[in-house]
Amino acid sequence: MGGYGPGYGMGPGMMGGYGPGYGMGPGMMGGYGPGHGMRPQGMFNGYPGNVENGLAALKAELGITAEQDSAWQAFTKNAERQNENRQAWFARMHEARGTGSLPERLAQQTEFMKQRQAEMEANAAALKDLYAALTPEQKAIADQRFGGFGPGYGMGYGRGYRGGPGGRFR
C-alpha cells in the first residue's frame, strides 16, 4: 500500500481514487514523495526499521542525557506503538478496499479518525513530557525538527504540492 506522490492527505479517500487531494487513505503512512508532514513516516520514510533508526538519530541530534532518558523512552515507545498500530490498520484497510458499501467504508474511516485522535492525544502528552525535560538548546532543535508538532501530526499536503520545490499549479 502506498501513495504515488504529493498531496495525498490521508489516502485514497472514500471513493478509492488516487492522486492529489483525495482525502483519507495511505498517504498518511505509506505514500511516497512529499506530503508526509511530521509523522514518523515523514521523519523516517515509513520503511521498516527507519522509525528506530530515525529515533536513534534524533536522540543523538538532541543529545539526550541520562536524566532525560525516561521521558525519551516514553516518547519513543509512543511513536513506535503508533507506527505499529497504523501499519496494522492500513493493512486491514488495504484488504477491505473496494469491498463493502459506501456507508461501511465511511464507518471504517470514522473509526480510523477516532483512533488518530487518541494517538494525537497520546503524542501530545509524550511530547509535552519530553519537551519539559529538554534544555533550551534542545528545545530549539526540537522546535525546528518537529515544526511545533510531534510524530503523528501534520496531515494534509506537504512541501511540493503547491508552490514549493517541484510543486504543482505554479
N, C-alpha and C. Protein backbone atom coordinates (compact mmCIF):
# COMPACT_ATOMS: atom_id res chain seq x y z
N MET A 1 0.86 -1.16 0.00
CA MET A 1 0.00 0.00 0.00
C MET A 1 0.90 1.21 0.00
N GLY A 2 0.63 2.15 -0.84
CA GLY A 2 1.44 3.35 -0.83
C GLY A 2 0.91 4.35 -1.81
N GLY A 3 1.20 5.58 -1.49
CA GLY A 3 0.77 6.66 -2.37
C GLY A 3 1.76 6.85 -3.50
N TYR A 4 1.41 7.71 -4.41
CA TYR A 4 2.25 7.89 -5.57
C TYR A 4 2.68 9.32 -5.77
N GLY A 5 2.73 10.12 -4.76
CA GLY A 5 3.21 11.47 -4.95
C GLY A 5 2.64 12.43 -3.93
N PRO A 6 2.85 13.70 -4.16
CA PRO A 6 2.45 14.70 -3.19
C PRO A 6 0.94 14.87 -3.11
N GLY A 7 0.51 15.48 -2.03
CA GLY A 7 -0.89 15.85 -1.92
C GLY A 7 -1.80 14.72 -1.50
N TYR A 8 -1.27 13.68 -0.91
CA TYR A 8 -2.06 12.52 -0.61
C TYR A 8 -2.96 12.68 0.59
N GLY A 9 -2.77 13.71 1.38
CA GLY A 9 -3.61 13.85 2.55
C GLY A 9 -3.54 12.58 3.37
N MET A 10 -4.66 11.95 3.61
CA MET A 10 -4.68 10.73 4.38
C MET A 10 -5.00 9.51 3.53
N GLY A 11 -4.95 9.57 2.25
CA GLY A 11 -5.08 8.37 1.45
C GLY A 11 -6.06 8.45 0.31
N PRO A 12 -6.51 7.28 -0.16
CA PRO A 12 -7.30 7.25 -1.38
C PRO A 12 -8.71 7.77 -1.21
N GLY A 13 -9.18 7.93 -0.03
CA GLY A 13 -10.49 8.52 0.15
C GLY A 13 -11.62 7.50 0.10
N MET A 14 -12.79 8.00 0.43
CA MET A 14 -13.97 7.14 0.48
C MET A 14 -14.22 6.43 -0.83
N MET A 15 -14.00 7.11 -1.91
CA MET A 15 -14.36 6.56 -3.21
C MET A 15 -13.23 5.76 -3.83
N GLY A 16 -12.07 5.68 -3.18
CA GLY A 16 -10.99 4.83 -3.66
C GLY A 16 -10.11 5.45 -4.72
N GLY A 17 -10.24 6.74 -4.99
CA GLY A 17 -9.43 7.38 -6.01
C GLY A 17 -8.00 7.62 -5.55
N TYR A 18 -7.11 7.81 -6.49
CA TYR A 18 -5.71 8.10 -6.17
C TYR A 18 -5.32 9.40 -6.84
N GLY A 19 -4.35 10.07 -6.25
CA GLY A 19 -3.84 11.31 -6.81
C GLY A 19 -3.95 12.42 -5.80
N PRO A 20 -3.55 13.61 -6.19
CA PRO A 20 -3.54 14.72 -5.25
C PRO A 20 -4.92 15.02 -4.68
N GLY A 21 -4.95 15.24 -3.38
CA GLY A 21 -6.14 15.75 -2.75
C GLY A 21 -7.27 14.76 -2.55
N TYR A 22 -6.99 13.48 -2.52
CA TYR A 22 -8.08 12.53 -2.43
C TYR A 22 -8.54 12.23 -1.01
N GLY A 23 -7.96 12.81 -0.02
CA GLY A 23 -8.57 12.70 1.30
C GLY A 23 -7.97 11.63 2.18
N MET A 24 -8.72 10.60 2.57
CA MET A 24 -8.35 9.78 3.71
C MET A 24 -7.86 8.40 3.30
N GLY A 25 -6.56 8.18 3.21
CA GLY A 25 -6.05 6.87 2.84
C GLY A 25 -4.56 6.74 3.03
N PRO A 26 -3.83 5.99 2.19
CA PRO A 26 -2.49 5.57 2.51
C PRO A 26 -1.43 6.64 2.54
N GLY A 27 -1.66 7.80 2.03
CA GLY A 27 -0.62 8.82 2.06
C GLY A 27 -0.12 9.08 3.47
N MET A 28 -0.96 8.84 4.44
CA MET A 28 -0.60 9.13 5.81
C MET A 28 0.53 8.24 6.30
N MET A 29 0.55 6.99 5.89
CA MET A 29 1.58 6.10 6.38
C MET A 29 2.47 5.57 5.27
N GLY A 30 1.89 5.29 4.10
CA GLY A 30 2.66 4.55 3.13
C GLY A 30 2.91 5.27 1.83
N GLY A 31 2.59 6.52 1.74
CA GLY A 31 2.78 7.23 0.48
C GLY A 31 4.24 7.49 0.19
N TYR A 32 4.53 7.76 -1.06
CA TYR A 32 5.89 8.08 -1.47
C TYR A 32 5.95 9.52 -1.90
N GLY A 33 7.05 10.17 -1.69
CA GLY A 33 7.20 11.56 -2.10
C GLY A 33 6.76 12.51 -1.02
N PRO A 34 6.69 13.80 -1.33
CA PRO A 34 6.33 14.79 -0.33
C PRO A 34 4.92 14.57 0.17
N GLY A 35 4.61 15.18 1.29
CA GLY A 35 3.26 15.14 1.79
C GLY A 35 3.12 14.41 3.10
N HIS A 36 4.21 13.98 3.69
CA HIS A 36 4.12 13.24 4.94
C HIS A 36 4.03 14.12 6.16
N GLY A 37 4.36 15.38 6.08
CA GLY A 37 4.35 16.24 7.26
C GLY A 37 5.35 15.74 8.29
N MET A 38 5.01 15.82 9.54
CA MET A 38 5.93 15.41 10.59
C MET A 38 5.52 14.10 11.26
N ARG A 39 4.81 13.25 10.56
CA ARG A 39 4.51 11.93 11.09
C ARG A 39 5.80 11.14 11.10
N PRO A 40 5.83 10.02 11.82
CA PRO A 40 7.05 9.22 11.80
C PRO A 40 7.48 8.86 10.39
N GLN A 41 6.51 8.67 9.47
CA GLN A 41 6.89 8.33 8.12
C GLN A 41 7.49 9.52 7.41
N GLY A 42 7.05 10.70 7.76
CA GLY A 42 7.64 11.89 7.17
C GLY A 42 9.05 12.08 7.67
N MET A 43 9.26 11.76 8.94
CA MET A 43 10.58 11.93 9.52
C MET A 43 11.49 10.77 9.14
N PHE A 44 10.94 9.57 9.04
CA PHE A 44 11.76 8.38 8.91
C PHE A 44 11.43 7.56 7.67
N ASN A 45 10.69 8.11 6.73
CA ASN A 45 10.39 7.49 5.44
C ASN A 45 9.43 6.32 5.48
N GLY A 46 8.94 5.92 6.64
CA GLY A 46 7.89 4.91 6.72
C GLY A 46 8.30 3.51 6.33
N TYR A 47 9.58 3.23 6.21
CA TYR A 47 10.01 1.88 5.86
C TYR A 47 10.39 1.13 7.13
N PRO A 48 10.24 -0.20 7.14
CA PRO A 48 10.58 -0.96 8.33
C PRO A 48 12.00 -0.66 8.78
N GLY A 49 12.17 -0.44 10.07
CA GLY A 49 13.48 -0.14 10.62
C GLY A 49 13.81 1.33 10.63
N ASN A 50 13.20 2.11 9.76
CA ASN A 50 13.54 3.53 9.70
C ASN A 50 13.04 4.32 10.89
N VAL A 51 11.93 3.89 11.50
CA VAL A 51 11.46 4.60 12.69
C VAL A 51 12.51 4.48 13.78
N GLU A 52 12.99 3.27 14.02
CA GLU A 52 14.00 3.06 15.05
C GLU A 52 15.28 3.82 14.71
N ASN A 53 15.72 3.74 13.46
CA ASN A 53 16.93 4.45 13.05
C ASN A 53 16.75 5.96 13.16
N GLY A 54 15.59 6.44 12.75
CA GLY A 54 15.32 7.87 12.82
C GLY A 54 15.26 8.37 14.25
N LEU A 55 14.64 7.58 15.13
CA LEU A 55 14.59 7.97 16.54
C LEU A 55 15.99 7.98 17.15
N ALA A 56 16.82 7.00 16.78
CA ALA A 56 18.19 6.98 17.28
C ALA A 56 18.96 8.21 16.81
N ALA A 57 18.77 8.59 15.54
CA ALA A 57 19.44 9.79 15.02
C ALA A 57 18.93 11.04 15.72
N LEU A 58 17.63 11.11 15.97
CA LEU A 58 17.06 12.26 16.66
C LEU A 58 17.57 12.34 18.09
N LYS A 59 17.70 11.20 18.75
CA LYS A 59 18.23 11.17 20.12
C LYS A 59 19.65 11.72 20.14
N ALA A 60 20.45 11.31 19.16
CA ALA A 60 21.82 11.82 19.07
C ALA A 60 21.83 13.31 18.76
N GLU A 61 20.97 13.74 17.84
CA GLU A 61 20.92 15.15 17.47
C GLU A 61 20.51 16.02 18.65
N LEU A 62 19.55 15.54 19.43
CA LEU A 62 19.12 16.29 20.61
C LEU A 62 20.12 16.20 21.75
N GLY A 63 20.94 15.15 21.75
CA GLY A 63 21.89 14.96 22.84
C GLY A 63 21.18 14.60 24.14
N ILE A 64 20.28 13.63 24.07
CA ILE A 64 19.51 13.22 25.24
C ILE A 64 20.46 12.70 26.32
N THR A 65 20.29 13.22 27.53
CA THR A 65 21.14 12.84 28.66
C THR A 65 20.49 11.72 29.45
N ALA A 66 21.24 11.15 30.39
CA ALA A 66 20.71 10.09 31.25
C ALA A 66 19.51 10.58 32.05
N GLU A 67 19.54 11.83 32.47
CA GLU A 67 18.42 12.39 33.24
C GLU A 67 17.16 12.53 32.39
N GLN A 68 17.32 12.66 31.10
CA GLN A 68 16.19 12.84 30.19
C GLN A 68 15.71 11.52 29.59
N ASP A 69 16.40 10.44 29.89
CA ASP A 69 16.14 9.18 29.21
C ASP A 69 14.74 8.63 29.47
N SER A 70 14.19 8.78 30.66
CA SER A 70 12.86 8.22 30.91
C SER A 70 11.81 8.93 30.05
N ALA A 71 11.89 10.26 29.92
CA ALA A 71 10.97 10.99 29.05
C ALA A 71 11.19 10.60 27.59
N TRP A 72 12.45 10.40 27.21
CA TRP A 72 12.76 9.98 25.84
C TRP A 72 12.17 8.61 25.56
N GLN A 73 12.33 7.67 26.50
CA GLN A 73 11.82 6.32 26.30
C GLN A 73 10.30 6.31 26.15
N ALA A 74 9.60 7.11 26.94
CA ALA A 74 8.14 7.21 26.81
C ALA A 74 7.76 7.77 25.44
N PHE A 75 8.50 8.77 25.00
CA PHE A 75 8.25 9.38 23.69
C PHE A 75 8.46 8.36 22.56
N THR A 76 9.58 7.64 22.59
CA THR A 76 9.87 6.68 21.52
C THR A 76 8.91 5.49 21.56
N LYS A 77 8.56 5.04 22.77
CA LYS A 77 7.60 3.93 22.88
C LYS A 77 6.28 4.33 22.23
N ASN A 78 5.85 5.54 22.48
CA ASN A 78 4.60 6.03 21.89
C ASN A 78 4.71 6.10 20.36
N ALA A 79 5.82 6.62 19.85
CA ALA A 79 6.00 6.73 18.39
C ALA A 79 6.03 5.35 17.73
N GLU A 80 6.72 4.41 18.36
CA GLU A 80 6.79 3.06 17.79
C GLU A 80 5.44 2.36 17.85
N ARG A 81 4.72 2.52 18.95
CA ARG A 81 3.38 1.91 19.08
C ARG A 81 2.44 2.50 18.04
N GLN A 82 2.50 3.79 17.85
CA GLN A 82 1.66 4.44 16.85
C GLN A 82 1.97 3.91 15.46
N ASN A 83 3.24 3.76 15.15
CA ASN A 83 3.64 3.24 13.85
C ASN A 83 3.11 1.83 13.64
N GLU A 84 3.24 0.97 14.64
CA GLU A 84 2.74 -0.40 14.53
C GLU A 84 1.23 -0.42 14.37
N ASN A 85 0.53 0.38 15.17
CA ASN A 85 -0.94 0.42 15.09
C ASN A 85 -1.40 0.87 13.71
N ARG A 86 -0.76 1.89 13.19
CA ARG A 86 -1.20 2.42 11.91
C ARG A 86 -0.87 1.46 10.77
N GLN A 87 0.28 0.80 10.84
CA GLN A 87 0.61 -0.18 9.80
C GLN A 87 -0.42 -1.31 9.79
N ALA A 88 -0.82 -1.77 10.97
CA ALA A 88 -1.83 -2.83 11.05
C ALA A 88 -3.16 -2.33 10.51
N TRP A 89 -3.52 -1.11 10.85
CA TRP A 89 -4.79 -0.57 10.38
C TRP A 89 -4.80 -0.43 8.86
N PHE A 90 -3.71 0.07 8.29
CA PHE A 90 -3.67 0.21 6.84
C PHE A 90 -3.66 -1.13 6.13
N ALA A 91 -3.07 -2.14 6.75
CA ALA A 91 -3.13 -3.47 6.15
C ALA A 91 -4.58 -3.95 6.09
N ARG A 92 -5.34 -3.71 7.18
CA ARG A 92 -6.76 -4.08 7.18
C ARG A 92 -7.52 -3.27 6.14
N MET A 93 -7.24 -1.99 6.04
CA MET A 93 -7.93 -1.15 5.07
C MET A 93 -7.60 -1.58 3.64
N HIS A 94 -6.34 -1.95 3.42
CA HIS A 94 -5.94 -2.39 2.08
C HIS A 94 -6.72 -3.66 1.69
N GLU A 95 -6.86 -4.58 2.63
CA GLU A 95 -7.61 -5.80 2.36
C GLU A 95 -9.08 -5.50 2.09
N ALA A 96 -9.63 -4.53 2.81
CA ALA A 96 -11.05 -4.22 2.69
C ALA A 96 -11.35 -3.24 1.56
N ARG A 97 -10.31 -2.64 0.98
CA ARG A 97 -10.53 -1.63 -0.06
C ARG A 97 -11.35 -2.22 -1.21
N GLY A 98 -12.34 -1.49 -1.60
CA GLY A 98 -13.18 -1.92 -2.71
C GLY A 98 -14.29 -2.86 -2.29
N THR A 99 -14.30 -3.27 -1.03
CA THR A 99 -15.39 -4.12 -0.55
C THR A 99 -16.27 -3.30 0.37
N GLY A 100 -17.47 -3.72 0.52
CA GLY A 100 -18.39 -3.02 1.40
C GLY A 100 -19.04 -1.84 0.71
N SER A 101 -20.10 -1.40 1.32
CA SER A 101 -20.85 -0.27 0.78
C SER A 101 -20.17 1.04 1.17
N LEU A 102 -20.60 2.10 0.55
CA LEU A 102 -20.09 3.43 0.88
C LEU A 102 -20.27 3.73 2.37
N PRO A 103 -21.44 3.48 2.97
CA PRO A 103 -21.57 3.73 4.41
C PRO A 103 -20.60 2.89 5.26
N GLU A 104 -20.35 1.65 4.84
CA GLU A 104 -19.40 0.81 5.57
C GLU A 104 -17.99 1.37 5.48
N ARG A 105 -17.60 1.83 4.29
CA ARG A 105 -16.27 2.41 4.13
C ARG A 105 -16.15 3.70 4.93
N LEU A 106 -17.20 4.50 4.95
CA LEU A 106 -17.18 5.73 5.74
C LEU A 106 -17.08 5.41 7.22
N ALA A 107 -17.75 4.36 7.67
CA ALA A 107 -17.66 3.94 9.07
C ALA A 107 -16.23 3.53 9.41
N GLN A 108 -15.54 2.85 8.48
CA GLN A 108 -14.14 2.49 8.70
C GLN A 108 -13.28 3.74 8.83
N GLN A 109 -13.50 4.71 7.96
CA GLN A 109 -12.74 5.95 8.03
C GLN A 109 -13.01 6.69 9.33
N THR A 110 -14.25 6.68 9.77
CA THR A 110 -14.61 7.34 11.03
C THR A 110 -13.90 6.67 12.19
N GLU A 111 -13.85 5.35 12.18
CA GLU A 111 -13.14 4.62 13.24
C GLU A 111 -11.66 4.98 13.22
N PHE A 112 -11.08 5.07 12.04
CA PHE A 112 -9.68 5.45 11.95
C PHE A 112 -9.45 6.84 12.54
N MET A 113 -10.34 7.76 12.25
CA MET A 113 -10.18 9.12 12.77
C MET A 113 -10.27 9.13 14.30
N LYS A 114 -11.11 8.29 14.86
CA LYS A 114 -11.17 8.18 16.32
C LYS A 114 -9.86 7.65 16.88
N GLN A 115 -9.30 6.65 16.20
CA GLN A 115 -8.00 6.12 16.62
C GLN A 115 -6.92 7.18 16.50
N ARG A 116 -6.95 7.94 15.41
CA ARG A 116 -5.96 9.01 15.21
C ARG A 116 -6.07 10.06 16.30
N GLN A 117 -7.29 10.41 16.70
CA GLN A 117 -7.45 11.40 17.76
C GLN A 117 -6.81 10.89 19.05
N ALA A 118 -7.06 9.63 19.38
CA ALA A 118 -6.45 9.06 20.58
C ALA A 118 -4.93 9.06 20.47
N GLU A 119 -4.40 8.73 19.28
CA GLU A 119 -2.95 8.76 19.07
C GLU A 119 -2.41 10.17 19.22
N MET A 120 -3.10 11.14 18.66
CA MET A 120 -2.64 12.52 18.74
C MET A 120 -2.62 13.00 20.19
N GLU A 121 -3.60 12.60 20.98
CA GLU A 121 -3.61 12.97 22.39
C GLU A 121 -2.45 12.32 23.12
N ALA A 122 -2.17 11.05 22.82
CA ALA A 122 -1.03 10.37 23.42
C ALA A 122 0.28 11.02 22.97
N ASN A 123 0.36 11.40 21.68
CA ASN A 123 1.55 12.09 21.17
C ASN A 123 1.77 13.39 21.90
N ALA A 124 0.71 14.16 22.07
CA ALA A 124 0.82 15.46 22.73
C ALA A 124 1.34 15.29 24.15
N ALA A 125 0.83 14.29 24.87
CA ALA A 125 1.28 14.06 26.24
C ALA A 125 2.75 13.63 26.28
N ALA A 126 3.13 12.68 25.41
CA ALA A 126 4.52 12.21 25.39
C ALA A 126 5.47 13.32 24.98
N LEU A 127 5.08 14.10 23.97
CA LEU A 127 5.94 15.19 23.51
C LEU A 127 6.05 16.28 24.57
N LYS A 128 4.95 16.57 25.24
CA LYS A 128 4.96 17.59 26.29
C LYS A 128 5.91 17.19 27.41
N ASP A 129 5.86 15.93 27.82
CA ASP A 129 6.75 15.45 28.88
C ASP A 129 8.21 15.50 28.43
N LEU A 130 8.48 15.07 27.20
CA LEU A 130 9.84 15.13 26.69
C LEU A 130 10.32 16.57 26.60
N TYR A 131 9.49 17.42 26.04
CA TYR A 131 9.85 18.83 25.84
C TYR A 131 10.18 19.49 27.18
N ALA A 132 9.42 19.16 28.22
CA ALA A 132 9.66 19.74 29.54
C ALA A 132 11.02 19.33 30.09
N ALA A 133 11.52 18.17 29.67
CA ALA A 133 12.81 17.68 30.17
C ALA A 133 13.99 18.23 29.37
N LEU A 134 13.75 18.87 28.24
CA LEU A 134 14.83 19.36 27.37
C LEU A 134 15.41 20.68 27.87
N THR A 135 16.66 20.91 27.51
CA THR A 135 17.30 22.20 27.76
C THR A 135 16.81 23.19 26.71
N PRO A 136 17.05 24.49 26.92
CA PRO A 136 16.65 25.46 25.89
C PRO A 136 17.28 25.18 24.52
N GLU A 137 18.53 24.72 24.51
CA GLU A 137 19.18 24.40 23.23
C GLU A 137 18.51 23.21 22.56
N GLN A 138 18.17 22.20 23.34
CA GLN A 138 17.49 21.03 22.80
C GLN A 138 16.09 21.39 22.32
N LYS A 139 15.42 22.27 23.05
CA LYS A 139 14.09 22.71 22.64
C LYS A 139 14.14 23.41 21.29
N ALA A 140 15.20 24.20 21.06
CA ALA A 140 15.34 24.88 19.77
C ALA A 140 15.48 23.86 18.64
N ILE A 141 16.25 22.81 18.88
CA ILE A 141 16.41 21.75 17.88
C ILE A 141 15.07 21.04 17.66
N ALA A 142 14.38 20.71 18.75
CA ALA A 142 13.08 20.03 18.63
C ALA A 142 12.07 20.90 17.91
N ASP A 143 12.05 22.20 18.23
CA ASP A 143 11.12 23.10 17.55
C ASP A 143 11.36 23.10 16.05
N GLN A 144 12.63 23.10 15.66
CA GLN A 144 12.96 23.10 14.24
C GLN A 144 12.63 21.75 13.61
N ARG A 145 12.98 20.68 14.27
CA ARG A 145 12.81 19.34 13.72
C ARG A 145 11.34 18.94 13.61
N PHE A 146 10.56 19.28 14.63
CA PHE A 146 9.16 18.88 14.64
C PHE A 146 8.24 19.93 14.07
N GLY A 147 8.71 21.10 13.80
CA GLY A 147 7.85 22.15 13.26
C GLY A 147 6.73 22.53 14.21
N GLY A 148 6.95 22.32 15.51
CA GLY A 148 5.95 22.67 16.50
C GLY A 148 4.98 21.55 16.81
N PHE A 149 5.14 20.40 16.14
CA PHE A 149 4.26 19.27 16.39
C PHE A 149 5.13 18.08 16.72
N GLY A 150 4.54 16.93 16.81
CA GLY A 150 5.29 15.72 17.09
C GLY A 150 4.94 14.66 16.07
N PRO A 151 5.53 13.46 16.22
CA PRO A 151 5.19 12.40 15.31
C PRO A 151 3.69 12.16 15.31
N GLY A 152 3.16 11.99 14.13
CA GLY A 152 1.74 11.72 14.02
C GLY A 152 0.92 12.93 13.66
N TYR A 153 1.49 14.10 13.75
CA TYR A 153 0.76 15.31 13.43
C TYR A 153 1.06 15.72 12.00
N GLY A 154 0.37 16.73 11.53
CA GLY A 154 0.69 17.33 10.24
C GLY A 154 0.03 16.64 9.07
N MET A 155 -1.28 16.46 9.10
CA MET A 155 -1.95 15.83 7.98
C MET A 155 -2.08 16.83 6.84
N GLY A 156 -2.32 16.35 5.67
CA GLY A 156 -2.56 17.23 4.55
C GLY A 156 -1.36 17.29 3.62
N TYR A 157 -1.36 18.29 2.78
CA TYR A 157 -0.34 18.40 1.77
C TYR A 157 0.99 18.77 2.38
N GLY A 158 2.05 18.20 1.84
CA GLY A 158 3.39 18.52 2.29
C GLY A 158 4.04 19.47 1.30
N ARG A 159 5.27 19.81 1.59
CA ARG A 159 6.02 20.69 0.72
C ARG A 159 6.06 20.12 -0.69
N GLY A 160 5.89 20.93 -1.66
CA GLY A 160 5.98 20.48 -3.04
C GLY A 160 4.64 20.36 -3.73
N TYR A 161 3.54 20.36 -2.98
CA TYR A 161 2.26 20.22 -3.66
C TYR A 161 1.92 21.48 -4.43
N ARG A 162 1.94 22.60 -3.78
CA ARG A 162 1.65 23.86 -4.46
C ARG A 162 2.75 24.84 -4.14
N GLY A 163 3.39 25.33 -5.13
CA GLY A 163 4.32 26.42 -4.98
C GLY A 163 5.68 26.08 -4.42
N GLY A 164 5.84 24.95 -3.75
CA GLY A 164 7.14 24.58 -3.22
C GLY A 164 8.00 23.99 -4.31
N PRO A 165 9.23 23.62 -3.98
CA PRO A 165 10.09 23.00 -4.98
C PRO A 165 9.41 21.78 -5.59
N GLY A 166 9.32 21.74 -6.86
CA GLY A 166 8.67 20.64 -7.55
C GLY A 166 7.16 20.68 -7.43
N GLY A 167 6.64 21.80 -6.97
CA GLY A 167 5.21 21.90 -6.71
C GLY A 167 4.38 21.99 -7.97
N ARG A 168 3.09 21.75 -7.79
CA ARG A 168 2.14 21.84 -8.89
C ARG A 168 1.49 23.20 -8.86
N PHE A 169 0.78 23.52 -9.91
CA PHE A 169 -0.01 24.75 -10.00
C PHE A 169 0.84 26.00 -9.83
N ARG A 170 1.95 26.06 -10.53
CA ARG A 170 2.81 27.25 -10.45
C ARG A 170 2.26 28.33 -11.31
